[in-house]
C-alpha cells in the first residue's frame, strides 16, 4: 500500500517545481494512473504565494506549506492517502 507522497523544494523554485509533471504507474500498466502537474495534484493551480501565507493548501489529504526552517526557506508538498497496488509502483518527474 502506497500511503504518502512528499516533496520539498526551495521556496524560490516552487513555481517552476509546481509545473513539473508527476507520472505514476503501478502493477505494470502501460498508461500512468497519475499524470498531472504537481501543483494540480496537490490542490493548487499555481504555487505563486502572493500573500506569503504559511499554507497555500491546507486540506485532507493534501497540503502545501511554505516554511522557514532556520535560514532555508522551502515549500513542502504532502499527500497522505492510501493508493492500492498489487505488485509494483514506478514514479517519474
PDB file of N, CA and C in Angstrom:
ATOM      1  N   UNK A   1       0.850  -1.175   0.000  1.00  0.00           N
ATOM      2  CA  UNK A   1       0.000   0.000   0.000  1.00  0.00           C
ATOM      3  C   UNK A   1       0.897   1.240   0.000  1.00  0.00           C
ATOM      4  N   UNK A   2       0.671   2.115  -0.909  1.00  0.00           N
ATOM      5  CA  UNK A   2       1.391   3.386  -1.022  1.00  0.00           C
ATOM      6  C   UNK A   2       0.626   4.382  -0.157  1.00  0.00           C
ATOM      7  N   UNK A   3       1.233   4.937   0.891  1.00  0.00           N
ATOM      8  CA  UNK A   3       0.484   5.734   1.863  1.00  0.00           C
ATOM      9  C   UNK A   3       0.814   7.223   1.882  1.00  0.00           C
ATOM     10  N   UNK A   4       1.965   7.627   1.394  1.00  0.00           N
ATOM     11  CA  UNK A   4       2.323   9.044   1.456  1.00  0.00           C
ATOM     12  C   UNK A   4       3.242   9.417   0.303  1.00  0.00           C
ATOM     13  N   UNK A   5       3.117  10.654  -0.116  1.00  0.00           N
ATOM     14  CA  UNK A   5       3.966  11.201  -1.161  1.00  0.00           C
ATOM     15  C   UNK A   5       4.372  12.595  -0.701  1.00  0.00           C
ATOM     16  N   UNK A   6       5.659  12.828  -0.536  1.00  0.00           N
ATOM     17  CA  UNK A   6       6.141  14.113  -0.047  1.00  0.00           C
ATOM     18  C   UNK A   6       7.285  14.612  -0.916  1.00  0.00           C
ATOM     19  N   UNK A   7       7.264  15.908  -1.198  1.00  0.00           N
ATOM     20  CA  UNK A   7       8.329  16.586  -1.930  1.00  0.00           C
ATOM     21  C   UNK A   7       8.679  17.850  -1.178  1.00  0.00           C
ATOM     22  N   UNK A   8       9.896  18.311  -1.375  1.00  0.00           N
ATOM     23  CA  UNK A   8      10.320  19.583  -0.814  1.00  0.00           C
ATOM     24  C   UNK A   8      11.173  20.282  -1.857  1.00  0.00           C
ATOM     25  N   UNK A   9      10.990  21.589  -1.988  1.00  0.00           N
ATOM     26  CA  UNK A   9      11.750  22.366  -2.964  1.00  0.00           C
ATOM     27  C   UNK A   9      12.094  23.714  -2.351  1.00  0.00           C
ATOM     28  N   UNK A  10      13.193  24.322  -2.777  1.00  0.00           N
ATOM     29  CA  UNK A  10      13.499  25.673  -2.301  1.00  0.00           C
ATOM     30  C   UNK A  10      12.368  26.625  -2.668  1.00  0.00           C
ATOM     31  N   UNK A  11      12.041  27.500  -1.769  1.00  0.00           N
ATOM     32  CA  UNK A  11      10.922  28.427  -1.972  1.00  0.00           C
ATOM     33  C   UNK A  11      11.052  29.210  -3.278  1.00  0.00           C
ATOM     34  N   UNK A  12      12.246  29.630  -3.620  1.00  0.00           N
ATOM     35  CA  UNK A  12      12.462  30.421  -4.835  1.00  0.00           C
ATOM     36  C   UNK A  12      12.184  29.621  -6.102  1.00  0.00           C
ATOM     37  N   UNK A  13      12.187  28.305  -6.007  1.00  0.00           N
ATOM     38  CA  UNK A  13      11.963  27.449  -7.168  1.00  0.00           C
ATOM     39  C   UNK A  13      10.585  26.791  -7.156  1.00  0.00           C
ATOM     40  N   UNK A  14       9.740  27.132  -6.206  1.00  0.00           N
ATOM     41  CA  UNK A  14       8.452  26.460  -6.033  1.00  0.00           C
ATOM     42  C   UNK A  14       7.541  26.591  -7.250  1.00  0.00           C
ATOM     43  N   UNK A  15       7.458  27.764  -7.855  1.00  0.00           N
ATOM     44  CA  UNK A  15       6.560  27.962  -9.001  1.00  0.00           C
ATOM     45  C   UNK A  15       6.973  27.042 -10.147  1.00  0.00           C
ATOM     46  N   UNK A  16       8.257  26.987 -10.456  1.00  0.00           N
ATOM     47  CA  UNK A  16       8.734  26.101 -11.519  1.00  0.00           C
ATOM     48  C   UNK A  16       8.560  24.638 -11.136  1.00  0.00           C
ATOM     49  N   UNK A  17       8.802  24.317  -9.881  1.00  0.00           N
ATOM     50  CA  UNK A  17       8.631  22.948  -9.406  1.00  0.00           C
ATOM     51  C   UNK A  17       7.181  22.495  -9.575  1.00  0.00           C
ATOM     52  N   UNK A  18       6.250  23.392  -9.338  1.00  0.00           N
ATOM     53  CA  UNK A  18       4.833  23.063  -9.488  1.00  0.00           C
ATOM     54  C   UNK A  18       4.435  22.740 -10.909  1.00  0.00           C
ATOM     55  N   UNK A  19       5.233  23.172 -11.871  1.00  0.00           N
ATOM     56  CA  UNK A  19       4.956  22.880 -13.284  1.00  0.00           C
ATOM     57  C   UNK A  19       5.480  21.513 -13.709  1.00  0.00           C
ATOM     58  N   UNK A  20       6.331  20.908 -12.869  1.00  0.00           N
ATOM     59  CA  UNK A  20       6.843  19.573 -13.179  1.00  0.00           C
ATOM     60  C   UNK A  20       5.676  18.590 -13.229  1.00  0.00           C
ATOM     61  N   UNK A  21       5.771  17.629 -14.102  1.00  0.00           N
ATOM     62  CA  UNK A  21       4.683  16.670 -14.286  1.00  0.00           C
ATOM     63  C   UNK A  21       4.947  15.429 -13.439  1.00  0.00           C
ATOM     64  N   UNK A  22       3.958  15.010 -12.696  1.00  0.00           N
ATOM     65  CA  UNK A  22       4.033  13.805 -11.880  1.00  0.00           C
ATOM     66  C   UNK A  22       3.338  12.685 -12.633  1.00  0.00           C
ATOM     67  N   UNK A  23       4.089  11.627 -12.943  1.00  0.00           N
ATOM     68  CA  UNK A  23       3.526  10.454 -13.609  1.00  0.00           C
ATOM     69  C   UNK A  23       3.839   9.238 -12.759  1.00  0.00           C
ATOM     70  N   UNK A  24       2.821   8.500 -12.385  1.00  0.00           N
ATOM     71  CA  UNK A  24       2.988   7.303 -11.564  1.00  0.00           C
ATOM     72  C   UNK A  24       2.220   6.164 -12.219  1.00  0.00           C
ATOM     73  N   UNK A  25       2.896   5.047 -12.376  1.00  0.00           N
ATOM     74  CA  UNK A  25       2.232   3.837 -12.861  1.00  0.00           C
ATOM     75  C   UNK A  25       2.461   2.736 -11.845  1.00  0.00           C
ATOM     76  N   UNK A  26       1.558   1.780 -11.806  1.00  0.00           N
ATOM     77  CA  UNK A  26       1.762   0.621 -10.954  1.00  0.00           C
ATOM     78  C   UNK A  26       1.158  -0.614 -11.584  1.00  0.00           C
ATOM     79  N   UNK A  27       1.575  -1.721 -11.036  1.00  0.00           N
ATOM     80  CA  UNK A  27       1.112  -3.037 -11.480  1.00  0.00           C
ATOM     81  C   UNK A  27       1.357  -3.265 -12.967  1.00  0.00           C
ATOM     82  N   UNK A  28       2.501  -2.764 -13.463  1.00  0.00           N
ATOM     83  CA  UNK A  28       2.929  -2.984 -14.846  1.00  0.00           C
ATOM     84  C   UNK A  28       1.943  -2.480 -15.894  1.00  0.00           C
ATOM     85  N   UNK A  29       1.158  -1.487 -15.560  1.00  0.00           N
ATOM     86  CA  UNK A  29       0.236  -0.894 -16.543  1.00  0.00           C
ATOM     87  C   UNK A  29       1.034  -0.113 -17.572  1.00  0.00           C
ATOM     88  N   UNK A  30       0.527  -0.038 -18.790  1.00  0.00           N
ATOM     89  CA  UNK A  30       1.227   0.702 -19.834  1.00  0.00           C
ATOM     90  C   UNK A  30       0.950   2.202 -19.750  1.00  0.00           C
ATOM     91  N   UNK A  31      -0.169   2.587 -19.152  1.00  0.00           N
ATOM     92  CA  UNK A  31      -0.507   4.003 -19.007  1.00  0.00           C
ATOM     93  C   UNK A  31      -0.409   4.414 -17.542  1.00  0.00           C
ATOM     94  N   UNK A  32      -0.081   5.681 -17.338  1.00  0.00           N
ATOM     95  CA  UNK A  32       0.062   6.207 -15.975  1.00  0.00           C
ATOM     96  C   UNK A  32      -1.289   6.284 -15.274  1.00  0.00           C
ATOM     97  N   UNK A  33      -1.315   5.923 -14.011  1.00  0.00           N
ATOM     98  CA  UNK A  33      -2.519   6.065 -13.193  1.00  0.00           C
ATOM     99  C   UNK A  33      -2.642   7.494 -12.673  1.00  0.00           C
ATOM    100  N   UNK A  34      -1.509   8.152 -12.481  1.00  0.00           N
ATOM    101  CA  UNK A  34      -1.460   9.567 -12.127  1.00  0.00           C
ATOM    102  C   UNK A  34      -0.610  10.250 -13.186  1.00  0.00           C
ATOM    103  N   UNK A  35      -1.127  11.302 -13.806  1.00  0.00           N
ATOM    104  CA  UNK A  35      -0.384  12.054 -14.815  1.00  0.00           C
ATOM    105  C   UNK A  35      -0.891  13.491 -14.776  1.00  0.00           C
ATOM    106  N   UNK A  36      -0.210  14.336 -14.017  1.00  0.00           N
ATOM    107  CA  UNK A  36      -0.681  15.701 -13.782  1.00  0.00           C
ATOM    108  C   UNK A  36       0.471  16.602 -13.344  1.00  0.00           C
ATOM    109  N   UNK A  37       0.361  17.909 -13.549  1.00  0.00           N
ATOM    110  CA  UNK A  37       1.358  18.815 -12.963  1.00  0.00           C
ATOM    111  C   UNK A  37       1.298  18.731 -11.428  1.00  0.00           C
ATOM    112  N   UNK A  38       2.443  18.862 -10.776  1.00  0.00           N
ATOM    113  CA  UNK A  38       2.495  18.753  -9.309  1.00  0.00           C
ATOM    114  C   UNK A  38       1.541  19.724  -8.615  1.00  0.00           C
ATOM    115  N   UNK A  39       1.494  20.959  -9.080  1.00  0.00           N
ATOM    116  CA  UNK A  39       0.632  21.953  -8.428  1.00  0.00           C
ATOM    117  C   UNK A  39      -0.826  21.492  -8.412  1.00  0.00           C
ATOM    118  N   UNK A  40      -1.304  20.932  -9.508  1.00  0.00           N
ATOM    119  CA  UNK A  40      -2.697  20.463  -9.558  1.00  0.00           C
ATOM    120  C   UNK A  40      -2.905  19.241  -8.685  1.00  0.00           C
ATOM    121  N   UNK A  41      -1.945  18.334  -8.662  1.00  0.00           N
ATOM    122  CA  UNK A  41      -2.069  17.144  -7.821  1.00  0.00           C
ATOM    123  C   UNK A  41      -2.224  17.527  -6.350  1.00  0.00           C
ATOM    124  N   UNK A  42      -1.512  18.560  -5.937  1.00  0.00           N
ATOM    125  CA  UNK A  42      -1.559  18.978  -4.541  1.00  0.00           C
ATOM    126  C   UNK A  42      -2.611  20.048  -4.264  1.00  0.00           C
ATOM    127  N   UNK A  43      -3.492  20.323  -5.211  1.00  0.00           N
ATOM    128  CA  UNK A  43      -4.648  21.177  -4.956  1.00  0.00           C
ATOM    129  C   UNK A  43      -4.476  22.655  -5.245  1.00  0.00           C
ATOM    130  N   UNK A  44      -3.462  23.024  -6.014  1.00  0.00           N
ATOM    131  CA  UNK A  44      -3.249  24.435  -6.341  1.00  0.00           C
ATOM    132  C   UNK A  44      -3.081  24.585  -7.853  1.00  0.00           C
ATOM    133  N   UNK A  45      -3.609  25.636  -8.410  1.00  0.00           N
ATOM    134  CA  UNK A  45      -3.407  25.893  -9.830  1.00  0.00           C
ATOM    135  C   UNK A  45      -1.995  26.371 -10.116  1.00  0.00           C
ATOM    136  N   UNK A  46      -1.458  27.142  -9.183  1.00  0.00           N
ATOM    137  CA  UNK A  46      -0.088  27.640  -9.285  1.00  0.00           C
ATOM    138  C   UNK A  46       0.504  27.676  -7.877  1.00  0.00           C
ATOM    139  N   UNK A  47       1.800  27.680  -7.779  1.00  0.00           N
ATOM    140  CA  UNK A  47       2.449  27.727  -6.468  1.00  0.00           C
ATOM    141  C   UNK A  47       2.943  29.124  -6.118  1.00  0.00           C
ATOM    142  N   UNK A  48       2.464  30.124  -6.860  1.00  0.00           N
ATOM    143  CA  UNK A  48       2.806  31.505  -6.551  1.00  0.00           C
ATOM    144  C   UNK A  48       2.105  31.897  -5.256  1.00  0.00           C
ATOM    145  N   UNK A  49       2.860  32.261  -4.259  1.00  0.00           N
ATOM    146  CA  UNK A  49       2.335  32.572  -2.932  1.00  0.00           C
ATOM    147  C   UNK A  49       2.360  34.089  -2.722  1.00  0.00           C
ATOM    148  N   UNK A  50       1.419  34.762  -3.338  1.00  0.00           N
ATOM    149  CA  UNK A  50       1.429  36.235  -3.342  1.00  0.00           C
ATOM    150  C   UNK A  50       1.203  36.852  -1.964  1.00  0.00           C
ATOM    151  N   UNK A  51       0.508  36.141  -1.079  1.00  0.00           N
ATOM    152  CA  UNK A  51       0.227  36.673   0.257  1.00  0.00           C
ATOM    153  C   UNK A  51       1.243  36.223   1.301  1.00  0.00           C
ATOM    154  N   UNK A  52       2.236  35.456   0.875  1.00  0.00           N
ATOM    155  CA  UNK A  52       3.262  34.950   1.779  1.00  0.00           C
ATOM    156  C   UNK A  52       2.656  34.155   2.939  1.00  0.00           C
ATOM    157  N   UNK A  53       1.646  33.343   2.608  1.00  0.00           N
ATOM    158  CA  UNK A  53       0.992  32.522   3.624  1.00  0.00           C
ATOM    159  C   UNK A  53       1.832  31.301   3.976  1.00  0.00           C
ATOM    160  N   UNK A  54       1.652  30.792   5.176  1.00  0.00           N
ATOM    161  CA  UNK A  54       2.352  29.572   5.569  1.00  0.00           C
ATOM    162  C   UNK A  54       1.804  28.386   4.773  1.00  0.00           C
ATOM    163  N   UNK A  55       0.479  28.261   4.698  1.00  0.00           N
ATOM    164  CA  UNK A  55      -0.143  27.169   3.954  1.00  0.00           C
ATOM    165  C   UNK A  55      -0.809  27.715   2.702  1.00  0.00           C
ATOM    166  N   UNK A  56      -0.385  27.234   1.558  1.00  0.00           N
ATOM    167  CA  UNK A  56      -1.044  27.575   0.309  1.00  0.00           C
ATOM    168  C   UNK A  56      -2.261  26.675   0.135  1.00  0.00           C
ATOM    169  N   UNK A  57      -2.127  25.418   0.509  1.00  0.00           N
ATOM    170  CA  UNK A  57      -3.234  24.455   0.543  1.00  0.00           C
ATOM    171  C   UNK A  57      -3.151  23.749   1.885  1.00  0.00           C
ATOM    172  N   UNK A  58      -4.270  23.728   2.605  1.00  0.00           N
ATOM    173  CA  UNK A  58      -4.314  23.041   3.894  1.00  0.00           C
ATOM    174  C   UNK A  58      -5.619  22.259   3.940  1.00  0.00           C
ATOM    175  N   UNK A  59      -5.530  21.027   3.504  1.00  0.00           N
ATOM    176  CA  UNK A  59      -6.718  20.182   3.412  1.00  0.00           C
ATOM    177  C   UNK A  59      -6.312  18.731   3.653  1.00  0.00           C
ATOM    178  N   UNK A  60      -7.299  17.910   3.864  1.00  0.00           N
ATOM    179  CA  UNK A  60      -7.032  16.480   3.935  1.00  0.00           C
ATOM    180  C   UNK A  60      -7.438  15.885   2.606  1.00  0.00           C
ATOM    181  N   UNK A  61      -6.603  15.188   1.900  1.00  0.00           N
ATOM    182  CA  UNK A  61      -5.351  14.570   2.308  1.00  0.00           C
ATOM    183  C   UNK A  61      -4.098  15.278   1.797  1.00  0.00           C
ATOM    184  N   UNK A  62      -4.204  16.505   1.293  1.00  0.00           N
ATOM    185  CA  UNK A  62      -3.031  17.189   0.733  1.00  0.00           C
ATOM    186  C   UNK A  62      -2.769  18.519   1.424  1.00  0.00           C
ATOM    187  N   UNK A  63      -1.507  18.950   1.401  1.00  0.00           N
ATOM    188  CA  UNK A  63      -1.198  20.318   1.820  1.00  0.00           C
ATOM    189  C   UNK A  63       0.086  20.779   1.157  1.00  0.00           C
ATOM    190  N   UNK A  64       0.170  22.083   1.012  1.00  0.00           N
ATOM    191  CA  UNK A  64       1.383  22.740   0.520  1.00  0.00           C
ATOM    192  C   UNK A  64       1.745  23.782   1.560  1.00  0.00           C
ATOM    193  N   UNK A  65       2.916  23.629   2.152  1.00  0.00           N
ATOM    194  CA  UNK A  65       3.336  24.523   3.231  1.00  0.00           C
ATOM    195  C   UNK A  65       4.634  25.223   2.854  1.00  0.00           C
ATOM    196  N   UNK A  66       4.641  26.518   3.023  1.00  0.00           N
ATOM    197  CA  UNK A  66       5.861  27.323   2.850  1.00  0.00           C
ATOM    198  C   UNK A  66       6.389  27.591   4.250  1.00  0.00           C
ATOM    199  N   UNK A  67       7.578  27.119   4.530  1.00  0.00           N
ATOM    200  CA  UNK A  67       8.114  27.352   5.871  1.00  0.00           C
ATOM    201  C   UNK A  67       9.522  27.901   5.794  1.00  0.00           C
ATOM    202  N   UNK A  68       9.965  28.393   6.921  1.00  0.00           N
ATOM    203  CA  UNK A  68      11.321  28.907   7.049  1.00  0.00           C
ATOM    204  C   UNK A  68      11.973  28.094   8.154  1.00  0.00           C
ATOM    205  N   UNK A  69      12.799  27.161   7.764  1.00  0.00           N
ATOM    206  CA  UNK A  69      13.485  26.284   8.700  1.00  0.00           C
ATOM    207  C   UNK A  69      14.919  26.776   8.817  1.00  0.00           C
ATOM    208  N   UNK A  70      15.198  27.417   9.910  1.00  0.00           N
ATOM    209  CA  UNK A  70      16.486  28.090  10.115  1.00  0.00           C
ATOM    210  C   UNK A  70      16.643  29.157   9.046  1.00  0.00           C
ATOM    211  N   UNK A  71      17.650  29.084   8.219  1.00  0.00           N
ATOM    212  CA  UNK A  71      17.820  30.117   7.192  1.00  0.00           C
ATOM    213  C   UNK A  71      17.354  29.633   5.823  1.00  0.00           C
ATOM    214  N   UNK A  72      16.806  28.403   5.756  1.00  0.00           N
ATOM    215  CA  UNK A  72      16.394  27.825   4.478  1.00  0.00           C
ATOM    216  C   UNK A  72      14.885  27.944   4.336  1.00  0.00           C
ATOM    217  N   UNK A  73      14.444  28.630   3.309  1.00  0.00           N
ATOM    218  CA  UNK A  73      13.015  28.709   3.021  1.00  0.00           C
ATOM    219  C   UNK A  73      12.676  27.623   2.025  1.00  0.00           C
ATOM    220  N   UNK A  74      11.577  26.917   2.248  1.00  0.00           N
ATOM    221  CA  UNK A  74      11.215  25.849   1.329  1.00  0.00           C
ATOM    222  C   UNK A  74       9.707  25.686   1.253  1.00  0.00           C
ATOM    223  N   UNK A  75       9.299  25.030   0.218  1.00  0.00           N
ATOM    224  CA  UNK A  75       7.908  24.643   0.057  1.00  0.00           C
ATOM    225  C   UNK A  75       7.854  23.129   0.206  1.00  0.00           C
ATOM    226  N   UNK A  76       6.958  22.656   1.037  1.00  0.00           N
ATOM    227  CA  UNK A  76       6.816  21.224   1.271  1.00  0.00           C
ATOM    228  C   UNK A  76       5.437  20.785   0.802  1.00  0.00           C
ATOM    229  N   UNK A  77       5.407  19.718   0.056  1.00  0.00           N
ATOM    230  CA  UNK A  77       4.174  19.184  -0.518  1.00  0.00           C
ATOM    231  C   UNK A  77       3.918  17.819   0.106  1.00  0.00           C
ATOM    232  N   UNK A  78       2.754  17.627   0.696  1.00  0.00           N
ATOM    233  CA  UNK A  78       2.443  16.347   1.332  1.00  0.00           C
ATOM    234  C   UNK A  78       1.091  15.838   0.846  1.00  0.00           C
ATOM    235  N   UNK A  79       1.054  14.578   0.552  1.00  0.00           N
ATOM    236  CA  UNK A  79      -0.191  13.922   0.179  1.00  0.00           C
ATOM    237  C   UNK A  79      -0.246  12.623   0.963  1.00  0.00           C
ATOM    238  N   UNK A  80      -1.293  12.433   1.722  1.00  0.00           N
ATOM    239  CA  UNK A  80      -1.423  11.228   2.535  1.00  0.00           C
ATOM    240  C   UNK A  80      -2.780  10.580   2.271  1.00  0.00           C
ATOM    241  N   UNK A  81      -2.743   9.567   1.472  1.00  0.00           N
ATOM    242  CA  UNK A  81      -3.907   8.717   1.287  1.00  0.00           C
ATOM    243  C   UNK A  81      -3.426   7.391   0.730  1.00  0.00           C
ATOM    244  N   UNK A  82      -4.181   6.373   0.962  1.00  0.00           N
ATOM    245  CA  UNK A  82      -3.777   5.042   0.539  1.00  0.00           C
ATOM    246  C   UNK A  82      -4.090   4.833  -0.934  1.00  0.00           C
ATOM    247  N   UNK A  83      -3.087   4.380  -1.656  1.00  0.00           N
ATOM    248  CA  UNK A  83      -3.254   4.044  -3.062  1.00  0.00           C
ATOM    249  C   UNK A  83      -3.008   2.548  -3.177  1.00  0.00           C
ATOM    250  N   UNK A  84      -4.052   1.793  -3.471  1.00  0.00           N
ATOM    251  CA  UNK A  84      -3.841   0.341  -3.568  1.00  0.00           C
ATOM    252  C   UNK A  84      -3.055  -0.018  -4.821  1.00  0.00           C
ATOM    253  N   UNK A  85      -2.231  -1.005  -4.694  1.00  0.00           N
ATOM    254  CA  UNK A  85      -1.492  -1.551  -5.830  1.00  0.00           C
ATOM    255  C   UNK A  85      -1.267  -3.019  -5.551  1.00  0.00           C
ATOM    256  N   UNK A  86      -1.024  -3.768  -6.605  1.00  0.00           N
ATOM    257  CA  UNK A  86      -0.842  -5.207  -6.428  1.00  0.00           C
ATOM    258  C   UNK A  86       0.615  -5.598  -6.255  1.00  0.00           C
ATOM    259  N   UNK A  87       1.493  -5.092  -7.150  1.00  0.00           N
ATOM    260  CA  UNK A  87       2.861  -5.592  -7.100  1.00  0.00           C
ATOM    261  C   UNK A  87       3.950  -4.526  -7.171  1.00  0.00           C
ATOM    262  N   UNK A  88       3.774  -3.491  -7.969  1.00  0.00           N
ATOM    263  CA  UNK A  88       4.880  -2.556  -8.135  1.00  0.00           C
ATOM    264  C   UNK A  88       4.369  -1.138  -8.372  1.00  0.00           C
ATOM    265  N   UNK A  89       5.277  -0.180  -8.195  1.00  0.00           N
ATOM    266  CA  UNK A  89       4.935   1.239  -8.407  1.00  0.00           C
ATOM    267  C   UNK A  89       6.161   1.922  -8.985  1.00  0.00           C
ATOM    268  N   UNK A  90       5.946   2.748 -10.010  1.00  0.00           N
ATOM    269  CA  UNK A  90       7.039   3.479 -10.642  1.00  0.00           C
ATOM    270  C   UNK A  90       6.608   4.913 -10.808  1.00  0.00           C
ATOM    271  N   UNK A  91       7.400   5.853 -10.295  1.00  0.00           N
ATOM    272  CA  UNK A  91       7.086   7.275 -10.427  1.00  0.00           C
ATOM    273  C   UNK A  91       8.171   7.996 -11.186  1.00  0.00           C
ATOM    274  N   UNK A  92       7.783   8.960 -11.995  1.00  0.00           N
ATOM    275  CA  UNK A  92       8.752   9.804 -12.705  1.00  0.00           C
ATOM    276  C   UNK A  92       8.338  11.248 -12.550  1.00  0.00           C
ATOM    277  N   UNK A  93       9.281  12.123 -12.706  1.00  0.00           N
ATOM    278  CA  UNK A  93       9.009  13.556 -12.576  1.00  0.00           C
ATOM    279  C   UNK A  93       9.688  14.244 -13.719  1.00  0.00           C
TER     280      UNK A  93
END
